[in-house]
Amino acid sequence: MPKVSYEVDERGAAFVTLDSPETRNALSDALLDELLDALERAGDDDAVRVVVIGSSHERIFSAGGDLKAFASDRPTIEKYAGLDRFPRLYETIGGMGKPVICAAGGDVLAGAFGLALACDLIIAKEGVRFGCPEINVGVFPFMISALIYRNVPRMRANQLMMTGEPIDATEAERMDVVNAVVPAAEFDDTVREWAHRIAAKSPLLMRLGKDAINATRDQSLPDALSSLRSQLALAFTTEDIGEGVAAFKEKREPVWRMR
């Protein structure tokens, strides 16, 4: 059975859903391969303007890495080779040129916390938890520590990784780790509304913008400003900027030309 489902609605929102409830959406090699395929499919589809990663499980977004695989007796070199899926996943999300929303409708744990932080926006259902419980079973969150340190204040990042104790969605919002916390009854509608609001923006300028962010986030300020100046000059050459300004002046919805 497929472990990831894929659907695109009429407004350009691709819904990529983790669908392995019997494993609590453990990030096994098989599930990660399907997730990567789905994201690449969305990235290649011109009809897709925004991607939403969610879960079919009512209480768990994902429990993180497949602990059974970690503790298996497979050769170490084979385990090591399989770990390339995590960096490929995070780099795919960053480099696909389309906004990606994490719809955290259940607990986001271990490697899944890294997946959520790799996304551009996180919308969380009230009561869900975010955390790194790996240390409780003798594993350190090596791969996702790079993402945690880029998104969470240092001392709180250390607390999450070294104690294994989670934080709830309200605390995550206070720390600016999530964008919005939504009551359960409103969660699905809110996620769809955010997705459609973003899908209505210029896909071309959104791609240029996300690519610029991805390329400059770790650069020095002078290097980043130089690169961003070039990207802004490139944006001036697009027809969508002219259409956006004209639509604003004429008080109408823009018709993006995507060129």
Protein backbone atom coordinates (compact mmCIF):
# COMPACT_ATOMS: atom_id res chain seq x y z
CA MET A 1 0.00 0.00 0.00
CA PRO A 2 1.23 3.53 -0.75
CA LYS A 3 2.61 5.34 2.29
CA VAL A 4 2.14 8.84 0.84
CA SER A 5 -0.90 10.17 -1.00
CA TYR A 6 -0.90 13.05 -3.48
CA GLU A 7 -3.71 15.31 -4.65
CA VAL A 8 -3.84 18.69 -6.41
CA ASP A 9 -6.95 20.85 -6.12
CA GLU A 10 -8.40 23.28 -8.62
CA ARG A 11 -6.56 26.26 -7.10
CA GLY A 12 -3.07 24.85 -7.43
CA ALA A 13 -2.55 23.45 -3.93
CA ALA A 14 -0.83 20.06 -3.83
CA PHE A 15 -1.67 18.05 -0.72
CA VAL A 16 1.05 15.51 0.11
CA THR A 17 -0.20 13.32 2.94
CA LEU A 18 1.84 10.91 5.05
CA ASP A 19 -0.39 7.85 5.12
CA SER A 20 1.18 5.04 7.14
CA PRO A 21 -0.88 5.20 10.34
CA GLU A 22 0.08 1.69 11.44
CA THR A 23 3.69 2.91 11.85
CA ARG A 24 2.69 6.38 13.10
CA ASN A 25 4.15 7.65 9.83
CA ALA A 26 7.65 6.55 10.78
CA LEU A 27 10.12 8.01 8.30
CA SER A 28 11.22 4.69 6.86
CA ASP A 29 13.25 4.45 3.66
CA ALA A 30 10.10 3.48 1.77
CA LEU A 31 8.04 6.41 3.09
CA LEU A 32 10.86 8.89 2.48
CA ASP A 33 11.27 7.66 -1.08
CA GLU A 34 7.56 8.18 -1.73
CA LEU A 35 7.65 11.60 -0.08
CA LEU A 36 10.62 12.66 -2.21
CA ASP A 37 8.85 11.43 -5.34
CA ALA A 38 5.71 13.39 -4.42
CA LEU A 39 7.66 16.59 -3.78
CA GLU A 40 9.57 16.26 -7.03
CA ARG A 41 6.28 15.68 -8.83
CA ALA A 42 4.85 18.84 -7.30
CA GLY A 43 7.98 20.79 -8.15
CA ASP A 44 7.78 19.73 -11.81
CA ASP A 45 4.05 20.45 -12.19
CA ASP A 46 3.40 24.00 -13.44
CA ALA A 47 -0.17 23.76 -12.13
CA VAL A 48 1.08 23.44 -8.55
CA ARG A 49 1.67 26.75 -6.78
CA VAL A 50 1.93 25.64 -3.16
CA VAL A 51 2.55 22.32 -1.39
CA VAL A 52 0.97 21.17 1.88
CA ILE A 53 2.56 18.27 3.78
CA GLY A 54 0.10 16.71 6.19
CA SER A 55 -0.83 13.43 7.85
CA SER A 56 -3.78 11.05 7.75
CA HIS A 57 -3.19 10.10 11.40
CA GLU A 58 -5.47 11.93 13.85
CA ARG A 59 -2.87 12.32 16.61
CA ILE A 60 0.55 11.96 14.94
CA PHE A 61 2.05 13.93 12.09
CA SER A 62 5.07 11.62 12.24
CA ALA A 63 6.92 9.85 15.03
CA GLY A 64 10.20 10.47 13.20
CA GLY A 65 12.87 8.04 12.07
CA ASP A 66 12.27 4.31 11.87
CA LEU A 67 13.81 3.10 15.16
CA LYS A 68 13.51 -0.55 14.13
CA ALA A 69 15.72 0.18 11.15
CA PHE A 70 18.21 2.07 13.35
CA ALA A 71 18.57 -0.94 15.65
CA SER A 72 18.54 -3.60 12.93
CA ASP A 73 21.53 -5.82 12.21
CA ARG A 74 22.00 -4.46 8.68
CA PRO A 75 25.61 -3.59 7.84
CA THR A 76 26.58 -0.11 9.05
CA ILE A 77 27.58 0.96 5.54
CA GLU A 78 24.08 0.10 4.32
CA LYS A 79 22.49 2.17 7.09
CA TYR A 80 24.82 5.06 6.31
CA ALA A 81 23.93 5.00 2.62
CA GLY A 82 20.23 5.22 3.47
CA LEU A 83 20.72 8.38 5.51
CA ASP A 84 21.14 10.49 2.38
CA ARG A 85 17.35 10.62 2.13
CA PHE A 86 17.09 13.15 4.97
CA PRO A 87 19.41 15.81 3.49
CA ARG A 88 17.86 15.22 0.06
CA LEU A 89 14.42 15.79 1.56
CA TYR A 90 15.38 19.03 3.28
CA GLU A 91 17.24 20.29 0.20
CA THR A 92 14.32 19.38 -2.07
CA ILE A 93 11.92 21.42 0.05
CA GLY A 94 14.31 24.37 0.10
CA GLY A 95 15.12 24.24 -3.58
CA MET A 96 11.78 23.42 -5.22
CA GLY A 97 10.87 27.07 -5.81
CA LYS A 98 7.38 26.70 -4.37
CA PRO A 99 6.16 27.45 -0.84
CA VAL A 100 5.74 24.39 1.37
CA ILE A 101 3.37 24.37 4.35
CA CYS A 102 3.63 21.82 7.15
CA ALA A 103 0.11 21.02 8.36
CA ALA A 104 0.92 19.74 11.85
CA GLY A 105 -2.33 18.06 12.73
CA GLY A 106 -0.62 15.71 15.18
CA ASP A 107 2.58 15.38 17.17
CA VAL A 108 5.75 16.27 15.25
CA LEU A 109 8.58 14.25 16.70
CA ALA A 110 12.24 13.43 16.08
CA GLY A 111 13.14 13.47 12.37
CA ALA A 112 9.70 14.83 11.56
CA PHE A 113 10.58 17.95 13.54
CA GLY A 114 13.35 18.49 11.03
CA LEU A 115 10.90 17.94 8.18
CA ALA A 116 8.57 20.57 9.65
CA LEU A 117 11.39 23.08 10.15
CA ALA A 118 12.53 22.57 6.56
CA CYS A 119 9.12 23.83 5.40
CA ASP A 120 8.41 27.51 4.80
CA LEU A 121 5.40 27.73 7.11
CA ILE A 122 4.00 25.59 9.93
CA ILE A 123 0.34 25.56 10.94
CA ALA A 124 -0.32 23.52 14.08
CA LYS A 125 -3.46 22.11 15.62
CA GLU A 126 -4.02 23.05 19.25
CA GLY A 127 -2.46 20.54 21.64
CA VAL A 128 0.08 18.95 19.28
CA ARG A 129 3.64 18.58 20.51
CA PHE A 130 7.01 19.21 18.89
CA GLY A 131 10.12 17.52 20.18
CA CYS A 132 13.23 15.37 19.95
CA PRO A 133 12.61 12.26 22.06
CA GLU A 134 15.45 10.32 20.39
CA ILE A 135 17.81 10.84 23.32
CA ASN A 136 15.42 8.83 25.52
CA VAL A 137 16.22 5.70 23.50
CA GLY A 138 19.92 6.33 23.11
CA VAL A 139 19.89 8.27 19.83
CA PHE A 140 20.90 11.91 19.33
CA PRO A 141 19.05 14.05 16.75
CA PHE A 142 22.16 14.50 14.63
CA MET A 143 20.59 15.19 11.24
CA ILE A 144 17.94 17.63 12.39
CA SER A 145 20.19 19.58 14.76
CA ALA A 146 21.26 21.80 11.85
CA LEU A 147 17.64 22.75 11.21
CA ILE A 148 16.83 23.18 14.90
CA TYR A 149 19.80 25.52 15.40
CA ARG A 150 18.64 27.62 12.45
CA ASN A 151 15.13 28.01 13.82
CA VAL A 152 15.20 27.70 17.62
CA PRO A 153 17.13 29.83 20.15
CA ARG A 154 20.33 28.04 21.20
CA MET A 155 19.54 27.29 24.84
CA ARG A 156 16.03 26.09 24.06
CA ALA A 157 17.40 24.01 21.17
CA ASN A 158 19.82 22.35 23.59
CA GLN A 159 16.99 21.72 26.03
CA LEU A 160 14.86 20.05 23.37
CA MET A 161 17.68 17.83 22.13
CA MET A 162 19.29 16.95 25.47
CA THR A 163 16.23 16.35 27.67
CA GLY A 164 13.95 14.80 25.06
CA GLU A 165 11.03 16.75 26.53
CA PRO A 166 8.61 18.18 23.95
CA ILE A 167 6.95 21.58 23.78
CA ASP A 168 3.30 22.11 22.90
CA ALA A 169 2.03 24.11 19.94
CA THR A 170 1.33 27.21 22.02
CA GLU A 171 4.91 27.31 23.29
CA ALA A 172 6.19 26.64 19.78
CA GLU A 173 4.21 29.62 18.51
CA ARG A 174 5.59 31.80 21.31
CA MET A 175 9.10 30.80 20.20
CA ASP A 176 8.22 31.63 16.57
CA VAL A 177 8.69 28.00 15.58
CA VAL A 178 5.14 27.81 14.17
CA ASN A 179 3.11 30.47 12.37
CA ALA A 180 -0.34 29.71 13.74
CA VAL A 181 -2.07 27.46 16.28
CA VAL A 182 -5.60 26.53 15.29
CA PRO A 183 -8.48 24.77 17.12
CA ALA A 184 -9.09 21.24 15.88
CA ALA A 185 -12.49 22.10 14.40
CA GLU A 186 -10.94 24.84 12.26
CA PHE A 187 -7.65 23.18 11.37
CA ASP A 188 -8.37 21.70 7.93
CA ASP A 189 -10.18 24.81 6.70
CA THR A 190 -7.41 27.07 7.97
CA VAL A 191 -4.70 25.05 6.25
CA ARG A 192 -6.61 25.14 2.97
CA GLU A 193 -7.26 28.88 3.32
CA TRP A 194 -3.55 29.59 3.86
CA ALA A 195 -2.64 27.38 0.91
CA HIS A 196 -5.10 29.10 -1.41
CA ARG A 197 -4.04 32.55 -0.25
CA ILE A 198 -0.42 31.74 -1.13
CA ALA A 199 -1.39 30.02 -4.39
CA ALA A 200 -3.01 33.28 -5.52
CA LYS A 201 0.37 35.07 -5.57
CA SER A 202 2.61 35.26 -8.64
CA PRO A 203 4.21 31.80 -9.03
CA LEU A 204 7.14 33.37 -10.87
CA LEU A 205 7.96 35.97 -8.21
CA MET A 206 7.39 33.40 -5.49
CA ARG A 207 9.92 31.09 -7.15
CA LEU A 208 12.45 33.89 -7.57
CA GLY A 209 11.94 34.90 -3.95
CA LYS A 210 12.20 31.43 -2.46
CA ASP A 211 15.25 30.62 -4.57
CA ALA A 212 16.88 33.85 -3.34
CA ILE A 213 16.14 33.03 0.30
CA ASN A 214 17.48 29.51 -0.13
CA ALA A 215 20.69 30.75 -1.75
CA THR A 216 21.46 33.60 0.65
CA ARG A 217 20.29 32.52 4.10
CA ASP A 218 23.76 31.38 5.18
CA GLN A 219 25.77 34.03 3.35
CA SER A 220 27.47 37.02 4.95
CA LEU A 221 25.41 40.20 4.84
CA PRO A 222 27.50 41.86 2.07
CA ASP A 223 27.38 38.72 -0.10
CA ALA A 224 23.65 38.27 0.51
CA LEU A 225 22.87 41.89 -0.36
CA SER A 226 24.89 41.68 -3.56
CA SER A 227 23.07 38.54 -4.64
CA LEU A 228 19.66 39.91 -3.67
CA ARG A 229 20.30 43.12 -5.59
CA SER A 230 20.82 41.03 -8.73
CA GLN A 231 17.64 39.05 -8.04
CA LEU A 232 15.62 42.25 -7.61
CA ALA A 233 16.98 43.57 -10.92
CA LEU A 234 15.93 40.30 -12.55
CA ALA A 235 12.45 40.61 -11.02
CA PHE A 236 12.11 44.07 -12.62
CA THR A 237 12.28 42.40 -16.04
CA THR A 238 9.20 40.22 -15.44
CA GLU A 239 5.74 41.02 -16.76
CA ASP A 240 4.19 39.90 -13.48
CA ILE A 241 5.53 42.96 -11.64
CA GLY A 242 3.81 45.23 -14.14
CA GLU A 243 0.60 43.21 -13.93
CA GLY A 244 0.64 43.26 -10.13
CA VAL A 245 1.02 47.03 -9.98
CA ALA A 246 -1.64 47.56 -12.65
CA ALA A 247 -4.09 45.29 -10.84
CA PHE A 248 -3.50 47.15 -7.58
CA LYS A 249 -4.18 50.52 -9.22
CA GLU A 250 -7.27 49.21 -11.02
CA LYS A 251 -8.58 47.50 -7.87
CA ARG A 252 -8.89 44.08 -9.53
CA GLU A 253 -7.38 40.62 -9.12
CA PRO A 254 -4.11 40.17 -11.02
CA VAL A 255 -3.86 37.74 -13.90
CA TRP A 256 -0.35 36.37 -13.59
CA ARG A 257 1.45 35.86 -16.87
CA MET A 258 4.28 33.86 -15.25
CA ARG A 259 6.90 35.54 -17.36
